[in-house]
């Protein structure tokens, strides 16, 4: 199925009449990932699920959610996590959930040495929030289903798991993947913000082309011959004719990837280090005339998002996370488009409820939400 990205919030720190704070879904073959969950997330998730039931052939099942990927600890990206976890508990969830996010190397050192947190740590660091959530019932024992709490120093690829039920910390050899995922993979990308932060990269394995069952039937091949061709093994018929397995497969689909940036300044090295991606959903908090604000607060302008897209080899850039001053997206799109002149990068701006689909063949479609369903 490729990827189906649901944008449930496109405002920055302050919600507006038409835009809510951050929260997205990434639906793939293996399951569903949530990227950030600002205030009111569980309500927005429920609304999107109802929309899918009414206007789409597919559905979003809560039971398929396997991982919550946090980009950083600012409340417009995290304040909806604990209420959503308690809702899962009320719904009698028993499936494991992986919660994962960034922190600093100094925090990891203090956790592993069982010492005080570093002086001057931001109140928005995820470790502070997670500890408070655990005290408020956010543990496996109190929720009634297994939750893995994993923090990482992204740049140095160091990881620990918090075990709040036993008040202990476990050092991990590598970042865990969601349980049961085999066709898709998640990876954090180092970004640049006022607190430890990262973007999230989702990739899928390439798939074999479709087997030509009709041709196999026309040739009246045996089940053994069909199975061999499907495995890539050439077959010799009774009359000596050789059948090449490659002729019974359509073209393979390539590796697909999508990236959600979270809050970051432009040209963050984790994102620009990519050789290419199908879709880059990048924050665009400010217009160019507020570029000094963007630099001071380590956010991006629409132009900066476009420059980042060019450097990362993105095929399609989706602008999101608009400041409260932004009433419409026309100026954002215009400024970003100026940076993309003579490039092949497609451009769009997200609204709450939009979906961006990447098919197995790599076709990208931005579905805009309207009161009567999605339109292109």
Protein backbone atom coordinates (compact mmCIF):
# COMPACT_ATOMS: atom_id res chain seq x y z
CA UNK A 1 0.00 0.00 0.00
CA UNK A 2 2.97 2.38 0.27
CA UNK A 3 2.26 5.15 2.79
CA UNK A 4 -0.82 7.14 3.77
CA UNK A 5 0.10 10.22 5.83
CA UNK A 6 -2.72 11.89 7.77
CA UNK A 7 -2.07 15.45 8.92
CA UNK A 8 -4.26 16.08 11.98
CA UNK A 9 -2.79 19.43 13.01
CA UNK A 10 -1.04 22.17 11.01
CA UNK A 11 -0.75 25.01 13.52
CA UNK A 12 2.37 25.88 15.47
CA UNK A 13 2.25 26.40 19.25
CA UNK A 14 -1.05 28.30 19.23
CA UNK A 15 -4.16 26.65 17.74
CA UNK A 16 -6.39 28.81 15.56
CA UNK A 17 -10.00 28.57 14.44
CA UNK A 18 -9.09 26.39 11.47
CA UNK A 19 -5.87 24.75 12.60
CA UNK A 20 -5.01 22.55 15.57
CA UNK A 21 -1.57 21.77 16.98
CA UNK A 22 0.71 18.99 15.80
CA UNK A 23 -0.26 15.36 15.34
CA UNK A 24 0.06 13.04 12.36
CA UNK A 25 -0.45 9.41 11.39
CA UNK A 26 1.67 7.33 9.04
CA UNK A 27 -0.21 4.26 7.81
CA UNK A 28 1.81 1.51 6.12
CA UNK A 29 1.66 -2.22 5.42
CA UNK A 30 2.92 -3.16 8.88
CA UNK A 31 0.67 -0.89 10.94
CA UNK A 32 0.15 2.70 12.05
CA UNK A 33 2.66 5.13 13.53
CA UNK A 34 1.70 8.33 15.32
CA UNK A 35 4.09 11.26 14.99
CA UNK A 36 3.52 13.76 17.82
CA UNK A 37 0.29 14.19 19.75
CA UNK A 38 -0.43 17.75 20.82
CA UNK A 39 -3.41 18.76 22.94
CA UNK A 40 -6.72 17.27 21.84
CA UNK A 41 -5.05 14.55 19.79
CA UNK A 42 -7.42 11.76 20.78
CA UNK A 43 -10.43 13.80 19.61
CA UNK A 44 -8.80 14.61 16.27
CA UNK A 45 -7.82 10.97 15.83
CA UNK A 46 -11.42 9.90 16.44
CA UNK A 47 -12.72 12.46 13.93
CA UNK A 48 -10.29 11.26 11.26
CA UNK A 49 -11.33 7.66 11.85
CA UNK A 50 -14.99 8.62 11.36
CA UNK A 51 -14.09 10.45 8.15
CA UNK A 52 -12.33 7.37 6.83
CA UNK A 53 -15.35 5.19 7.58
CA UNK A 54 -17.66 7.62 5.80
CA UNK A 55 -15.59 8.74 2.83
CA UNK A 56 -12.94 6.06 2.20
CA UNK A 57 -12.76 2.38 1.33
CA UNK A 58 -10.12 1.85 4.01
CA UNK A 59 -10.22 2.40 7.77
CA UNK A 60 -7.78 3.34 10.51
CA UNK A 61 -7.96 0.77 13.28
CA UNK A 62 -6.67 1.82 16.69
CA UNK A 63 -5.47 -1.73 17.22
CA UNK A 64 -2.97 -1.30 14.37
CA UNK A 65 -1.16 1.57 16.13
CA UNK A 66 2.22 0.16 17.17
CA UNK A 67 4.43 3.18 17.80
CA UNK A 68 4.30 6.80 18.94
CA UNK A 69 7.25 8.79 17.58
CA UNK A 70 7.84 12.12 19.33
CA UNK A 71 9.94 14.78 17.62
CA UNK A 72 10.64 16.79 20.80
CA UNK A 73 9.10 17.80 24.10
CA UNK A 74 7.25 21.06 23.44
CA UNK A 75 3.69 20.75 24.67
CA UNK A 76 2.04 21.49 21.33
CA UNK A 77 3.58 18.18 20.24
CA UNK A 78 3.11 16.11 23.41
CA UNK A 79 0.24 17.39 25.58
CA UNK A 80 -2.23 14.90 24.13
CA UNK A 81 -0.15 11.78 24.82
CA UNK A 82 -1.24 10.90 28.36
CA UNK A 83 -5.00 11.37 27.75
CA UNK A 84 -4.72 9.20 24.64
CA UNK A 85 -2.90 6.47 26.59
CA UNK A 86 -5.63 6.49 29.22
CA UNK A 87 -8.25 6.17 26.47
CA UNK A 88 -6.42 3.10 25.15
CA UNK A 89 -6.52 1.70 28.67
CA UNK A 90 -10.26 2.31 28.96
CA UNK A 91 -10.68 0.51 25.63
CA UNK A 92 -8.94 -2.55 27.16
CA UNK A 93 -5.94 -2.49 24.86
CA UNK A 94 -3.53 -5.37 25.41
CA UNK A 95 -1.21 -4.91 22.42
CA UNK A 96 2.31 -3.53 23.13
CA UNK A 97 3.04 0.11 22.29
CA UNK A 98 6.46 1.63 21.62
CA UNK A 99 6.89 5.28 22.66
CA UNK A 100 10.14 6.78 21.44
CA UNK A 101 11.72 10.22 21.38
CA UNK A 102 14.92 12.29 21.61
CA UNK A 103 16.88 13.61 24.56
CA UNK A 104 20.48 14.67 25.18
CA UNK A 105 23.55 12.55 25.84
CA UNK A 106 23.90 14.23 29.23
CA UNK A 107 20.43 13.06 30.21
CA UNK A 108 21.27 9.50 29.17
CA UNK A 109 24.46 9.62 31.24
CA UNK A 110 22.54 10.75 34.31
CA UNK A 111 19.91 8.05 33.84
CA UNK A 112 22.48 5.29 33.44
CA UNK A 113 24.47 6.46 36.47
CA UNK A 114 21.30 6.92 38.54
CA UNK A 115 22.28 10.52 39.28
CA UNK A 116 20.47 13.85 39.16
CA UNK A 117 19.46 15.27 35.82
CA UNK A 118 21.92 17.81 34.36
CA UNK A 119 21.81 21.41 35.57
CA UNK A 120 19.95 23.72 33.23
CA UNK A 121 17.94 20.99 31.53
CA UNK A 122 14.92 22.41 29.73
CA UNK A 123 11.54 21.87 31.36
CA UNK A 124 10.44 20.67 27.92
CA UNK A 125 12.92 17.80 27.80
CA UNK A 126 11.00 14.57 27.32
CA UNK A 127 12.52 12.94 30.40
CA UNK A 128 10.79 15.47 32.66
CA UNK A 129 7.43 14.96 30.97
CA UNK A 130 7.74 11.19 30.91
CA UNK A 131 8.48 11.02 34.62
CA UNK A 132 5.42 13.11 35.37
CA UNK A 133 3.27 10.96 33.07
CA UNK A 134 4.48 7.84 34.86
CA UNK A 135 3.43 9.35 38.18
CA UNK A 136 0.01 10.10 36.66
CA UNK A 137 -0.64 6.54 35.57
CA UNK A 138 1.34 6.19 32.35
CA UNK A 139 3.04 2.89 33.16
CA UNK A 140 2.39 -0.59 31.83
CA UNK A 141 1.12 -1.75 35.22
CA UNK A 142 -1.33 1.12 35.63
CA UNK A 143 -2.47 1.24 32.00
CA UNK A 144 -2.95 -2.50 31.72
CA UNK A 145 -0.98 -2.97 28.50
CA UNK A 146 2.77 -3.08 27.73
CA UNK A 147 4.38 0.29 26.98
CA UNK A 148 8.06 0.64 26.09
CA UNK A 149 9.48 4.09 26.88
CA UNK A 150 12.64 4.60 24.78
CA UNK A 151 14.80 7.74 24.79
CA UNK A 152 17.71 8.37 22.45
CA UNK A 153 20.68 10.64 21.88
CA UNK A 154 20.06 10.87 18.15
CA UNK A 155 23.41 12.18 16.95
CA UNK A 156 25.38 9.53 18.83
CA UNK A 157 22.87 6.70 18.32
CA UNK A 158 22.62 5.89 22.03
CA UNK A 159 19.40 4.50 23.50
CA UNK A 160 17.89 3.65 26.85
CA UNK A 161 14.57 2.20 27.91
CA UNK A 162 12.84 3.56 30.99
CA UNK A 163 11.21 0.88 33.15
CA UNK A 164 8.95 2.92 35.43
CA UNK A 165 7.26 -0.08 37.05
CA UNK A 166 10.62 -1.15 38.48
CA UNK A 167 12.10 2.37 38.66
CA UNK A 168 15.07 1.32 36.55
CA UNK A 169 16.78 2.07 33.23
CA UNK A 170 18.05 -0.36 30.61
CA UNK A 171 20.76 0.56 28.10
CA UNK A 172 19.93 -0.66 24.58
CA UNK A 173 22.33 -1.71 21.83
CA UNK A 174 20.19 -0.05 19.17
CA UNK A 175 16.88 1.71 18.68
CA UNK A 176 14.05 -0.85 18.66
CA UNK A 177 11.60 -1.14 15.79
CA UNK A 178 7.85 -1.54 16.36
CA UNK A 179 6.99 -5.11 17.31
CA UNK A 180 6.00 -7.20 14.32
CA UNK A 181 7.13 -4.74 11.65
CA UNK A 182 8.99 -6.44 8.80
CA UNK A 183 8.22 -4.46 5.63
CA UNK A 184 8.75 -0.96 7.03
CA UNK A 185 11.38 0.72 9.15
CA UNK A 186 11.54 3.90 11.22
CA UNK A 187 14.65 6.00 11.73
CA UNK A 188 15.23 9.28 13.61
CA UNK A 189 16.91 12.17 11.80
CA UNK A 190 18.87 14.75 13.77
CA UNK A 191 17.26 18.20 13.62
CA UNK A 192 18.06 21.59 15.09
CA UNK A 193 15.69 23.10 17.64
CA UNK A 194 15.73 24.75 21.08
CA UNK A 195 15.37 21.37 22.84
CA UNK A 196 16.59 17.89 21.83
CA UNK A 197 14.71 17.07 18.65
CA UNK A 198 14.52 14.81 15.63
CA UNK A 199 12.51 14.20 12.51
CA UNK A 200 11.18 10.75 11.65
CA UNK A 201 11.98 8.82 8.49
CA UNK A 202 9.74 5.95 7.38
CA UNK A 203 10.92 3.59 4.67
CA UNK A 204 9.56 0.48 3.01
CA UNK A 205 11.33 -2.40 1.37
CA UNK A 206 11.10 -2.70 -2.37
CA UNK A 207 8.53 -5.26 -3.51
CA UNK A 208 8.70 -7.87 -6.22
CA UNK A 209 6.62 -7.23 -9.30
CA UNK A 210 3.24 -8.93 -9.65
CA UNK A 211 3.36 -12.56 -10.78
CA UNK A 212 1.64 -13.16 -14.13
CA UNK A 213 -0.92 -15.77 -13.06
CA UNK A 214 -2.90 -15.41 -16.29
CA UNK A 215 0.05 -16.36 -18.48
CA UNK A 216 0.88 -19.29 -16.19
CA UNK A 217 -2.72 -20.50 -16.53
CA UNK A 218 -2.68 -20.11 -20.32
CA UNK A 219 0.44 -22.30 -20.49
CA UNK A 220 -1.27 -24.86 -18.23
CA UNK A 221 1.72 -24.96 -15.90
CA UNK A 222 1.71 -27.32 -12.93
CA UNK A 223 1.59 -25.99 -9.38
CA UNK A 224 5.24 -26.97 -8.96
CA UNK A 225 6.24 -25.03 -12.08
CA UNK A 226 4.23 -21.99 -10.99
CA UNK A 227 5.76 -22.06 -7.53
CA UNK A 228 9.25 -22.30 -9.00
CA UNK A 229 8.71 -19.34 -11.32
CA UNK A 230 7.24 -17.32 -8.46
CA UNK A 231 10.42 -17.99 -6.45
CA UNK A 232 12.56 -16.80 -9.38
CA UNK A 233 13.56 -20.25 -10.62
CA UNK A 234 13.59 -20.84 -14.40
CA UNK A 235 11.56 -23.84 -15.55
CA UNK A 236 12.06 -26.35 -18.38
CA UNK A 237 8.91 -27.74 -20.02
CA UNK A 238 8.45 -31.30 -21.27
CA UNK A 239 9.17 -30.20 -24.86
CA UNK A 240 12.49 -28.68 -23.77
CA UNK A 241 11.32 -25.08 -23.90
CA UNK A 242 12.88 -22.89 -21.21
CA UNK A 243 10.69 -20.44 -19.28
CA UNK A 244 12.51 -17.52 -17.70
CA UNK A 245 11.19 -16.56 -14.25
CA UNK A 246 11.91 -12.88 -14.94
CA UNK A 247 9.35 -12.91 -17.75
CA UNK A 248 6.59 -13.82 -15.30
CA UNK A 249 7.14 -10.84 -13.01
CA UNK A 250 6.14 -7.24 -13.53
CA UNK A 251 8.61 -4.48 -12.61
CA UNK A 252 9.70 -4.35 -8.98
CA UNK A 253 8.64 -1.37 -6.90
CA UNK A 254 11.50 0.65 -5.47
CA UNK A 255 12.15 1.59 -1.87
CA UNK A 256 9.72 4.26 -0.66
CA UNK A 257 10.39 6.80 2.07
CA UNK A 258 8.63 9.70 3.77
CA UNK A 259 9.94 12.17 6.35
CA UNK A 260 8.12 14.28 8.94
CA UNK A 261 10.46 16.99 10.19
CA UNK A 262 8.97 18.12 13.49
CA UNK A 263 10.17 21.56 14.65
CA UNK A 264 13.55 22.52 13.22
CA UNK A 265 15.53 25.24 11.55
CA UNK A 266 16.13 24.85 7.85
CA UNK A 267 18.83 22.58 6.45
CA UNK A 268 19.09 20.35 9.53
CA UNK A 269 21.82 17.84 8.83
CA UNK A 270 19.76 14.75 9.54
CA UNK A 271 17.32 15.65 6.77
CA UNK A 272 19.77 17.08 4.25
CA UNK A 273 22.00 14.00 4.61
CA UNK A 274 19.35 11.92 2.84
CA UNK A 275 19.94 11.16 -0.81
CA UNK A 276 16.26 11.24 -1.67
CA UNK A 277 12.79 10.72 -0.27
CA UNK A 278 9.35 10.59 -1.82
CA UNK A 279 7.65 13.05 0.54
CA UNK A 280 9.08 15.58 2.97
CA UNK A 281 6.53 17.09 5.38
CA UNK A 282 8.42 20.10 6.73
CA UNK A 283 7.56 22.79 9.22
CA UNK A 284 7.08 26.32 7.84
CA UNK A 285 6.36 28.47 10.86
CA UNK A 286 7.27 31.83 9.33
CA UNK A 287 7.17 33.81 6.11
CA UNK A 288 10.46 35.17 4.81
CA UNK A 289 9.91 38.62 6.35
CA UNK A 290 10.08 36.91 9.75
CA UNK A 291 13.28 35.03 8.95
CA UNK A 292 15.11 36.55 11.94
CA UNK A 293 12.46 35.11 14.23
CA UNK A 294 12.95 31.76 12.53
CA UNK A 295 16.69 31.91 13.20
CA UNK A 296 16.26 33.03 16.81
CA UNK A 297 13.73 30.32 17.67
CA UNK A 298 15.23 27.63 15.43
CA UNK A 299 12.21 27.28 13.20
CA UNK A 300 11.97 27.35 9.42
CA UNK A 301 10.43 29.65 6.86
CA UNK A 302 8.59 28.32 3.82
CA UNK A 303 11.62 29.28 1.73
CA UNK A 304 13.88 27.42 4.14
CA UNK A 305 11.71 24.32 3.91
CA UNK A 306 12.06 24.48 0.12
CA UNK A 307 15.84 24.78 0.34
CA UNK A 308 15.87 21.78 2.66
CA UNK A 309 13.74 19.79 0.21
CA UNK A 310 16.19 20.52 -2.59
CA UNK A 311 19.14 19.39 -0.48
CA UNK A 312 17.44 16.18 0.63
CA UNK A 313 16.36 15.04 -2.83
CA UNK A 314 12.67 15.17 -1.92
CA UNK A 315 10.22 14.57 -4.74
CA UNK A 316 7.32 16.32 -3.01
CA UNK A 317 7.42 18.97 -0.28
CA UNK A 318 4.41 19.47 2.00
CA UNK A 319 4.40 22.64 4.10
CA UNK A 320 2.88 22.52 7.60
CA UNK A 321 3.17 23.93 11.17
CA UNK A 322 2.11 27.49 10.33
CA UNK A 323 2.46 30.35 12.80
CA UNK A 324 -0.67 32.10 14.08
CA UNK A 325 0.11 35.08 11.83
CA UNK A 326 -0.42 32.89 8.76
CA UNK A 327 -4.06 33.21 7.71
CA UNK A 328 -3.79 31.46 4.35
CA UNK A 329 -1.09 29.47 2.59
CA UNK A 330 -0.84 31.44 -0.65
CA UNK A 331 2.18 33.50 0.45
CA UNK A 332 3.87 30.44 1.95
CA UNK A 333 3.49 28.54 -1.31
CA UNK A 334 4.64 31.52 -3.37
CA UNK A 335 7.83 31.98 -1.35
CA UNK A 336 8.63 28.27 -1.36
CA UNK A 337 7.95 28.05 -5.09
CA UNK A 338 10.55 30.74 -5.79
CA UNK A 339 13.20 28.44 -4.31
CA UNK A 340 12.02 25.48 -6.38
CA UNK A 341 12.19 27.14 -9.80
CA UNK A 342 13.80 24.84 -12.38
CA UNK A 343 13.54 21.87 -10.01
CA UNK A 344 11.33 18.80 -10.22
CA UNK A 345 10.12 19.10 -6.62
CA UNK A 346 6.33 19.16 -6.32
CA UNK A 347 4.87 21.48 -3.68
CA UNK A 348 1.70 21.64 -1.58
CA UNK A 349 0.51 23.04 1.74
CA UNK A 350 -1.38 20.98 4.30
CA UNK A 351 -4.62 21.70 6.12
CA UNK A 352 -6.00 19.75 9.06
CA UNK A 353 -7.43 16.43 7.90
CA UNK A 354 -5.42 16.20 4.67
CA UNK A 355 -3.90 12.93 3.47
CA UNK A 356 -0.75 12.45 1.41
CA UNK A 357 -0.60 9.05 -0.23
CA UNK A 358 2.44 7.37 -1.74
CA UNK A 359 1.48 4.31 -3.77
CA UNK A 360 3.64 1.21 -4.18
CA UNK A 361 4.66 2.55 -7.58
CA UNK A 362 5.79 5.85 -6.04
CA UNK A 363 2.87 7.98 -7.23
CA UNK A 364 2.23 10.83 -4.79
CA UNK A 365 -1.22 12.33 -4.28
CA UNK A 366 -2.19 15.10 -1.86
CA UNK A 367 -5.83 14.63 -0.86
CA UNK A 368 -7.29 17.84 0.56
CA UNK A 369 -10.01 17.55 3.18
CA UNK A 370 -13.38 19.20 2.52
CA UNK A 371 -16.73 18.91 4.25
CA UNK A 372 -17.88 16.36 1.68
CA UNK A 373 -14.73 14.26 1.74
CA UNK A 374 -11.28 14.41 0.20
CA UNK A 375 -10.49 15.95 -3.17
CA UNK A 376 -7.30 16.28 -5.23
